[in-house]
């Protein structure tokens, strides 16, 4: 499966920024990318944050390993936690 990777930086608090990647099917919409990011942030206790192009940018496309592709087929997205998640 070919996936689009969105590099995302979100303030967790006044001193900490979360950095994570949102992986989606290559034909998914930006509205869905933002919705998936918001769902992830809610699970992490960062609510009431409006995810926009300022925090979430297309980075590249790549072939996903089967475990990641399977999760994308099941729930629509996959998160790779990078920093402060």
PDB file of N, CA and C in Angstrom:
ATOM      1  N   UNK A   1       0.848  -1.183   0.000  1.00  0.00           N
ATOM      2  CA  UNK A   1       0.000   0.000   0.000  1.00  0.00           C
ATOM      3  C   UNK A   1       0.886   1.237   0.000  1.00  0.00           C
ATOM      4  N   UNK A   2       0.556   2.173  -0.873  1.00  0.00           N
ATOM      5  CA  UNK A   2       1.254   3.448  -0.905  1.00  0.00           C
ATOM      6  C   UNK A   2       0.554   4.395   0.065  1.00  0.00           C
ATOM      7  N   UNK A   3       1.327   5.054   0.929  1.00  0.00           N
ATOM      8  CA  UNK A   3       0.750   5.951   1.923  1.00  0.00           C
ATOM      9  C   UNK A   3       1.364   7.348   1.813  1.00  0.00           C
ATOM     10  N   UNK A   4       0.581   8.328   2.238  1.00  0.00           N
ATOM     11  CA  UNK A   4       1.059   9.700   2.372  1.00  0.00           C
ATOM     12  C   UNK A   4       1.432   9.913   3.831  1.00  0.00           C
ATOM     13  N   UNK A   5       2.544  10.596   4.048  1.00  0.00           N
ATOM     14  CA  UNK A   5       3.042  10.858   5.399  1.00  0.00           C
ATOM     15  C   UNK A   5       2.933  12.361   5.665  1.00  0.00           C
ATOM     16  N   UNK A   6       2.290  12.705   6.778  1.00  0.00           N
ATOM     17  CA  UNK A   6       2.113  14.101   7.178  1.00  0.00           C
ATOM     18  C   UNK A   6       2.888  14.342   8.472  1.00  0.00           C
ATOM     19  N   UNK A   7       3.883  15.211   8.379  1.00  0.00           N
ATOM     20  CA  UNK A   7       4.719  15.582   9.507  1.00  0.00           C
ATOM     21  C   UNK A   7       3.935  16.584  10.350  1.00  0.00           C
ATOM     22  N   UNK A   8       3.772  16.285  11.651  1.00  0.00           N
ATOM     23  CA  UNK A   8       2.868  17.071  12.488  1.00  0.00           C
ATOM     24  C   UNK A   8       3.557  17.510  13.781  1.00  0.00           C
ATOM     25  N   UNK A   9       3.424  18.789  14.098  1.00  0.00           N
ATOM     26  CA  UNK A   9       3.971  19.379  15.327  1.00  0.00           C
ATOM     27  C   UNK A   9       2.850  20.112  16.039  1.00  0.00           C
ATOM     28  N   UNK A  10       2.594  19.730  17.296  1.00  0.00           N
ATOM     29  CA  UNK A  10       1.488  20.305  18.063  1.00  0.00           C
ATOM     30  C   UNK A  10       1.994  20.669  19.459  1.00  0.00           C
ATOM     31  N   UNK A  11       1.698  21.891  19.946  1.00  0.00           N
ATOM     32  CA  UNK A  11       2.096  22.235  21.307  1.00  0.00           C
ATOM     33  C   UNK A  11       1.323  21.391  22.321  1.00  0.00           C
ATOM     34  N   UNK A  12       2.084  20.721  23.183  1.00  0.00           N
ATOM     35  CA  UNK A  12       1.485  19.896  24.242  1.00  0.00           C
ATOM     36  C   UNK A  12       1.210  20.758  25.474  1.00  0.00           C
ATOM     37  N   UNK A  13       2.122  21.632  25.759  1.00  0.00           N
ATOM     38  CA  UNK A  13       1.981  22.619  26.825  1.00  0.00           C
ATOM     39  C   UNK A  13       2.865  23.807  26.445  1.00  0.00           C
ATOM     40  N   UNK A  14       3.095  24.713  27.370  1.00  0.00           N
ATOM     41  CA  UNK A  14       3.851  25.920  27.043  1.00  0.00           C
ATOM     42  C   UNK A  14       5.305  25.653  26.654  1.00  0.00           C
ATOM     43  N   UNK A  15       5.880  24.520  27.106  1.00  0.00           N
ATOM     44  CA  UNK A  15       7.292  24.245  26.860  1.00  0.00           C
ATOM     45  C   UNK A  15       7.544  23.028  25.980  1.00  0.00           C
ATOM     46  N   UNK A  16       6.516  22.261  25.667  1.00  0.00           N
ATOM     47  CA  UNK A  16       6.702  20.988  24.984  1.00  0.00           C
ATOM     48  C   UNK A  16       5.899  20.926  23.691  1.00  0.00           C
ATOM     49  N   UNK A  17       6.555  20.445  22.645  1.00  0.00           N
ATOM     50  CA  UNK A  17       5.883  20.245  21.364  1.00  0.00           C
ATOM     51  C   UNK A  17       5.876  18.762  21.024  1.00  0.00           C
ATOM     52  N   UNK A  18       4.708  18.256  20.693  1.00  0.00           N
ATOM     53  CA  UNK A  18       4.579  16.878  20.236  1.00  0.00           C
ATOM     54  C   UNK A  18       4.938  16.832  18.750  1.00  0.00           C
ATOM     55  N   UNK A  19       5.678  15.804  18.374  1.00  0.00           N
ATOM     56  CA  UNK A  19       6.018  15.585  16.966  1.00  0.00           C
ATOM     57  C   UNK A  19       5.615  14.165  16.619  1.00  0.00           C
ATOM     58  N   UNK A  20       4.726  14.037  15.632  1.00  0.00           N
ATOM     59  CA  UNK A  20       4.295  12.713  15.190  1.00  0.00           C
ATOM     60  C   UNK A  20       3.954  12.769  13.713  1.00  0.00           C
ATOM     61  N   UNK A  21       3.969  11.606  13.090  1.00  0.00           N
ATOM     62  CA  UNK A  21       3.592  11.491  11.687  1.00  0.00           C
ATOM     63  C   UNK A  21       2.236  10.818  11.594  1.00  0.00           C
ATOM     64  N   UNK A  22       1.397  11.332  10.698  1.00  0.00           N
ATOM     65  CA  UNK A  22       0.109  10.724  10.391  1.00  0.00           C
ATOM     66  C   UNK A  22       0.256  10.064   9.026  1.00  0.00           C
ATOM     67  N   UNK A  23       0.042   8.760   8.955  1.00  0.00           N
ATOM     68  CA  UNK A  23       0.108   8.020   7.703  1.00  0.00           C
ATOM     69  C   UNK A  23      -1.298   7.645   7.274  1.00  0.00           C
ATOM     70  N   UNK A  24      -1.617   7.929   6.017  1.00  0.00           N
ATOM     71  CA  UNK A  24      -2.945   7.634   5.465  1.00  0.00           C
ATOM     72  C   UNK A  24      -2.781   7.055   4.064  1.00  0.00           C
ATOM     73  N   UNK A  25      -3.844   6.449   3.553  1.00  0.00           N
ATOM     74  CA  UNK A  25      -3.835   5.979   2.169  1.00  0.00           C
ATOM     75  C   UNK A  25      -3.532   7.165   1.255  1.00  0.00           C
ATOM     76  N   UNK A  26      -2.825   6.909   0.179  1.00  0.00           N
ATOM     77  CA  UNK A  26      -2.354   8.002  -0.677  1.00  0.00           C
ATOM     78  C   UNK A  26      -3.463   8.842  -1.302  1.00  0.00           C
ATOM     79  N   UNK A  27      -4.688   8.365  -1.311  1.00  0.00           N
ATOM     80  CA  UNK A  27      -5.787   9.129  -1.909  1.00  0.00           C
ATOM     81  C   UNK A  27      -6.730   9.732  -0.864  1.00  0.00           C
ATOM     82  N   UNK A  28      -6.349   9.723   0.402  1.00  0.00           N
ATOM     83  CA  UNK A  28      -7.216  10.259   1.459  1.00  0.00           C
ATOM     84  C   UNK A  28      -7.203  11.783   1.431  1.00  0.00           C
ATOM     85  N   UNK A  29      -8.259  12.381   1.960  1.00  0.00           N
ATOM     86  CA  UNK A  29      -8.411  13.843   1.943  1.00  0.00           C
ATOM     87  C   UNK A  29      -7.735  14.503   3.143  1.00  0.00           C
ATOM     88  N   UNK A  30      -7.438  15.799   2.989  1.00  0.00           N
ATOM     89  CA  UNK A  30      -6.865  16.565   4.100  1.00  0.00           C
ATOM     90  C   UNK A  30      -7.851  16.660   5.254  1.00  0.00           C
ATOM     91  N   UNK A  31      -9.136  16.748   4.966  1.00  0.00           N
ATOM     92  CA  UNK A  31     -10.130  16.780   6.044  1.00  0.00           C
ATOM     93  C   UNK A  31     -10.001  15.540   6.914  1.00  0.00           C
ATOM     94  N   UNK A  32      -9.811  14.390   6.292  1.00  0.00           N
ATOM     95  CA  UNK A  32      -9.628  13.157   7.058  1.00  0.00           C
ATOM     96  C   UNK A  32      -8.319  13.164   7.823  1.00  0.00           C
ATOM     97  N   UNK A  33      -7.257  13.667   7.220  1.00  0.00           N
ATOM     98  CA  UNK A  33      -5.965  13.735   7.920  1.00  0.00           C
ATOM     99  C   UNK A  33      -6.123  14.547   9.201  1.00  0.00           C
ATOM    100  N   UNK A  34      -6.769  15.700   9.108  1.00  0.00           N
ATOM    101  CA  UNK A  34      -6.990  16.533  10.294  1.00  0.00           C
ATOM    102  C   UNK A  34      -7.877  15.820  11.313  1.00  0.00           C
ATOM    103  N   UNK A  35      -8.894  15.122  10.834  1.00  0.00           N
ATOM    104  CA  UNK A  35      -9.792  14.386  11.742  1.00  0.00           C
ATOM    105  C   UNK A  35      -9.025  13.276  12.465  1.00  0.00           C
ATOM    106  N   UNK A  36      -8.184  12.549  11.745  1.00  0.00           N
ATOM    107  CA  UNK A  36      -7.392  11.492  12.370  1.00  0.00           C
ATOM    108  C   UNK A  36      -6.416  12.075  13.393  1.00  0.00           C
ATOM    109  N   UNK A  37      -5.802  13.202  13.047  1.00  0.00           N
ATOM    110  CA  UNK A  37      -4.887  13.856  13.984  1.00  0.00           C
ATOM    111  C   UNK A  37      -5.604  14.300  15.239  1.00  0.00           C
ATOM    112  N   UNK A  38      -6.797  14.846  15.078  1.00  0.00           N
ATOM    113  CA  UNK A  38      -7.604  15.293  16.224  1.00  0.00           C
ATOM    114  C   UNK A  38      -7.984  14.098  17.107  1.00  0.00           C
ATOM    115  N   UNK A  39      -8.348  12.976  16.474  1.00  0.00           N
ATOM    116  CA  UNK A  39      -8.679  11.771  17.229  1.00  0.00           C
ATOM    117  C   UNK A  39      -7.483  11.307  18.053  1.00  0.00           C
ATOM    118  N   UNK A  40      -6.317  11.311  17.447  1.00  0.00           N
ATOM    119  CA  UNK A  40      -5.095  10.921  18.154  1.00  0.00           C
ATOM    120  C   UNK A  40      -4.811  11.882  19.312  1.00  0.00           C
ATOM    121  N   UNK A  41      -4.908  13.180  19.048  1.00  0.00           N
ATOM    122  CA  UNK A  41      -4.649  14.163  20.103  1.00  0.00           C
ATOM    123  C   UNK A  41      -5.612  14.004  21.273  1.00  0.00           C
ATOM    124  N   UNK A  42      -6.872  13.737  21.002  1.00  0.00           N
ATOM    125  CA  UNK A  42      -7.844  13.517  22.068  1.00  0.00           C
ATOM    126  C   UNK A  42      -7.440  12.324  22.926  1.00  0.00           C
ATOM    127  N   UNK A  43      -6.955  11.256  22.298  1.00  0.00           N
ATOM    128  CA  UNK A  43      -6.502  10.075  23.045  1.00  0.00           C
ATOM    129  C   UNK A  43      -5.308  10.409  23.929  1.00  0.00           C
ATOM    130  N   UNK A  44      -4.524  11.404  23.524  1.00  0.00           N
ATOM    131  CA  UNK A  44      -3.341  11.812  24.281  1.00  0.00           C
ATOM    132  C   UNK A  44      -3.638  12.915  25.288  1.00  0.00           C
ATOM    133  N   UNK A  45      -4.904  13.307  25.404  1.00  0.00           N
ATOM    134  CA  UNK A  45      -5.281  14.327  26.380  1.00  0.00           C
ATOM    135  C   UNK A  45      -5.086  15.747  25.904  1.00  0.00           C
ATOM    136  N   UNK A  46      -4.845  15.935  24.617  1.00  0.00           N
ATOM    137  CA  UNK A  46      -4.718  17.278  24.049  1.00  0.00           C
ATOM    138  C   UNK A  46      -6.012  17.554  23.290  1.00  0.00           C
ATOM    139  N   UNK A  47      -6.967  18.139  23.993  1.00  0.00           N
ATOM    140  CA  UNK A  47      -8.269  18.384  23.374  1.00  0.00           C
ATOM    141  C   UNK A  47      -8.414  19.866  23.049  1.00  0.00           C
ATOM    142  N   UNK A  48      -9.455  20.189  22.338  1.00  0.00           N
ATOM    143  CA  UNK A  48      -9.749  21.570  21.957  1.00  0.00           C
ATOM    144  C   UNK A  48      -8.615  22.209  21.153  1.00  0.00           C
ATOM    145  N   UNK A  49      -7.932  21.397  20.343  1.00  0.00           N
ATOM    146  CA  UNK A  49      -6.883  21.929  19.481  1.00  0.00           C
ATOM    147  C   UNK A  49      -7.324  21.771  18.036  1.00  0.00           C
ATOM    148  N   UNK A  50      -7.309  22.856  17.284  1.00  0.00           N
ATOM    149  CA  UNK A  50      -7.712  22.833  15.883  1.00  0.00           C
ATOM    150  C   UNK A  50      -6.483  22.571  15.017  1.00  0.00           C
ATOM    151  N   UNK A  51      -6.369  21.372  14.497  1.00  0.00           N
ATOM    152  CA  UNK A  51      -5.242  20.987  13.649  1.00  0.00           C
ATOM    153  C   UNK A  51      -5.413  21.625  12.272  1.00  0.00           C
ATOM    154  N   UNK A  52      -4.364  22.305  11.787  1.00  0.00           N
ATOM    155  CA  UNK A  52      -4.405  22.979  10.483  1.00  0.00           C
ATOM    156  C   UNK A  52      -3.118  22.693   9.709  1.00  0.00           C
ATOM    157  N   UNK A  53      -3.018  23.284   8.530  1.00  0.00           N
ATOM    158  CA  UNK A  53      -1.820  23.149   7.705  1.00  0.00           C
ATOM    159  C   UNK A  53      -0.593  23.750   8.392  1.00  0.00           C
ATOM    160  N   UNK A  54      -0.794  24.612   9.362  1.00  0.00           N
ATOM    161  CA  UNK A  54       0.330  25.199  10.105  1.00  0.00           C
ATOM    162  C   UNK A  54       1.051  24.120  10.910  1.00  0.00           C
ATOM    163  N   UNK A  55       0.327  23.160  11.446  1.00  0.00           N
ATOM    164  CA  UNK A  55       0.910  22.105  12.285  1.00  0.00           C
ATOM    165  C   UNK A  55       1.140  20.807  11.522  1.00  0.00           C
ATOM    166  N   UNK A  56       0.416  20.593  10.454  1.00  0.00           N
ATOM    167  CA  UNK A  56       0.389  19.297   9.777  1.00  0.00           C
ATOM    168  C   UNK A  56       0.672  19.480   8.290  1.00  0.00           C
ATOM    169  N   UNK A  57       1.828  19.009   7.832  1.00  0.00           N
ATOM    170  CA  UNK A  57       2.236  19.223   6.445  1.00  0.00           C
ATOM    171  C   UNK A  57       2.583  17.915   5.753  1.00  0.00           C
ATOM    172  N   UNK A  58       2.200  17.821   4.486  1.00  0.00           N
ATOM    173  CA  UNK A  58       2.589  16.667   3.693  1.00  0.00           C
ATOM    174  C   UNK A  58       4.110  16.610   3.641  1.00  0.00           C
ATOM    175  N   UNK A  59       4.642  15.415   3.853  1.00  0.00           N
ATOM    176  CA  UNK A  59       6.090  15.230   3.856  1.00  0.00           C
ATOM    177  C   UNK A  59       6.531  14.418   2.636  1.00  0.00           C
ATOM    178  N   UNK A  60       5.975  13.218   2.494  1.00  0.00           N
ATOM    179  CA  UNK A  60       6.364  12.356   1.373  1.00  0.00           C
ATOM    180  C   UNK A  60       5.397  11.180   1.255  1.00  0.00           C
ATOM    181  N   UNK A  61       5.617  10.367   0.224  1.00  0.00           N
ATOM    182  CA  UNK A  61       4.844   9.134   0.038  1.00  0.00           C
ATOM    183  C   UNK A  61       5.826   7.971   0.112  1.00  0.00           C
ATOM    184  N   UNK A  62       5.327   6.843   0.606  1.00  0.00           N
ATOM    185  CA  UNK A  62       6.167   5.654   0.684  1.00  0.00           C
ATOM    186  C   UNK A  62       5.300   4.408   0.688  1.00  0.00           C
ATOM    187  N   UNK A  63       5.933   3.273   0.479  1.00  0.00           N
ATOM    188  CA  UNK A  63       5.241   1.990   0.585  1.00  0.00           C
ATOM    189  C   UNK A  63       5.221   1.600   2.056  1.00  0.00           C
ATOM    190  N   UNK A  64       4.047   1.241   2.552  1.00  0.00           N
ATOM    191  CA  UNK A  64       3.904   0.893   3.971  1.00  0.00           C
ATOM    192  C   UNK A  64       4.117  -0.599   4.177  1.00  0.00           C
ATOM    193  N   UNK A  65       4.777  -0.970   5.286  1.00  0.00           N
ATOM    194  CA  UNK A  65       4.853  -2.386   5.643  1.00  0.00           C
ATOM    195  C   UNK A  65       3.446  -2.925   5.922  1.00  0.00           C
ATOM    196  N   UNK A  66       3.280  -4.227   5.850  1.00  0.00           N
ATOM    197  CA  UNK A  66       1.948  -4.832   5.962  1.00  0.00           C
ATOM    198  C   UNK A  66       1.251  -4.496   7.276  1.00  0.00           C
ATOM    199  N   UNK A  67       1.965  -4.451   8.408  1.00  0.00           N
ATOM    200  CA  UNK A  67       1.309  -4.154   9.681  1.00  0.00           C
ATOM    201  C   UNK A  67       0.714  -2.739   9.700  1.00  0.00           C
ATOM    202  N   UNK A  68       1.402  -1.787   9.095  1.00  0.00           N
ATOM    203  CA  UNK A  68       0.891  -0.416   9.027  1.00  0.00           C
ATOM    204  C   UNK A  68      -0.256  -0.332   8.018  1.00  0.00           C
ATOM    205  N   UNK A  69      -0.096  -0.969   6.867  1.00  0.00           N
ATOM    206  CA  UNK A  69      -1.150  -0.978   5.849  1.00  0.00           C
ATOM    207  C   UNK A  69      -2.429  -1.589   6.404  1.00  0.00           C
ATOM    208  N   UNK A  70      -2.297  -2.649   7.179  1.00  0.00           N
ATOM    209  CA  UNK A  70      -3.460  -3.312   7.766  1.00  0.00           C
ATOM    210  C   UNK A  70      -4.212  -2.370   8.708  1.00  0.00           C
ATOM    211  N   UNK A  71      -3.475  -1.636   9.533  1.00  0.00           N
ATOM    212  CA  UNK A  71      -4.128  -0.700  10.456  1.00  0.00           C
ATOM    213  C   UNK A  71      -4.794   0.449   9.695  1.00  0.00           C
ATOM    214  N   UNK A  72      -4.163   0.917   8.625  1.00  0.00           N
ATOM    215  CA  UNK A  72      -4.768   1.982   7.816  1.00  0.00           C
ATOM    216  C   UNK A  72      -6.049   1.485   7.165  1.00  0.00           C
ATOM    217  N   UNK A  73      -6.048   0.259   6.674  1.00  0.00           N
ATOM    218  CA  UNK A  73      -7.264  -0.300   6.082  1.00  0.00           C
ATOM    219  C   UNK A  73      -8.368  -0.435   7.131  1.00  0.00           C
ATOM    220  N   UNK A  74      -7.997  -0.737   8.387  1.00  0.00           N
ATOM    221  CA  UNK A  74      -8.967  -0.944   9.457  1.00  0.00           C
ATOM    222  C   UNK A  74      -9.525   0.362  10.015  1.00  0.00           C
ATOM    223  N   UNK A  75      -8.631   1.294  10.394  1.00  0.00           N
ATOM    224  CA  UNK A  75      -9.129   2.509  11.059  1.00  0.00           C
ATOM    225  C   UNK A  75      -8.879   3.799  10.287  1.00  0.00           C
ATOM    226  N   UNK A  76      -8.210   3.706   9.139  1.00  0.00           N
ATOM    227  CA  UNK A  76      -8.044   4.877   8.291  1.00  0.00           C
ATOM    228  C   UNK A  76      -6.692   5.556   8.379  1.00  0.00           C
ATOM    229  N   UNK A  77      -5.955   5.307   9.463  1.00  0.00           N
ATOM    230  CA  UNK A  77      -4.681   5.995   9.638  1.00  0.00           C
ATOM    231  C   UNK A  77      -3.760   5.205  10.557  1.00  0.00           C
ATOM    232  N   UNK A  78      -2.508   5.647  10.599  1.00  0.00           N
ATOM    233  CA  UNK A  78      -1.508   5.084  11.500  1.00  0.00           C
ATOM    234  C   UNK A  78      -0.665   6.247  11.994  1.00  0.00           C
ATOM    235  N   UNK A  79      -0.323   6.252  13.273  1.00  0.00           N
ATOM    236  CA  UNK A  79       0.491   7.314  13.864  1.00  0.00           C
ATOM    237  C   UNK A  79       1.870   6.762  14.205  1.00  0.00           C
ATOM    238  N   UNK A  80       2.892   7.495  13.803  1.00  0.00           N
ATOM    239  CA  UNK A  80       4.252   7.208  14.263  1.00  0.00           C
ATOM    240  C   UNK A  80       4.632   8.312  15.232  1.00  0.00           C
ATOM    241  N   UNK A  81       4.813   7.944  16.493  1.00  0.00           N
ATOM    242  CA  UNK A  81       5.185   8.922  17.525  1.00  0.00           C
ATOM    243  C   UNK A  81       6.682   9.187  17.434  1.00  0.00           C
ATOM    244  N   UNK A  82       7.029  10.462  17.342  1.00  0.00           N
ATOM    245  CA  UNK A  82       8.439  10.849  17.186  1.00  0.00           C
ATOM    246  C   UNK A  82       9.021  11.456  18.480  1.00  0.00           C
ATOM    247  N   UNK A  83       8.378  12.513  18.982  1.00  0.00           N
ATOM    248  CA  UNK A  83       8.900  13.201  20.171  1.00  0.00           C
ATOM    249  C   UNK A  83       7.758  13.680  21.058  1.00  0.00           C
ATOM    250  N   UNK A  84       7.946  13.543  22.357  1.00  0.00           N
ATOM    251  CA  UNK A  84       7.048  14.114  23.379  1.00  0.00           C
ATOM    252  C   UNK A  84       5.595  13.691  23.254  1.00  0.00           C
ATOM    253  N   UNK A  85       5.386  12.472  22.793  1.00  0.00           N
ATOM    254  CA  UNK A  85       4.019  11.963  22.656  1.00  0.00           C
ATOM    255  C   UNK A  85       3.684  11.150  23.890  1.00  0.00           C
TER     256      UNK A  85
END
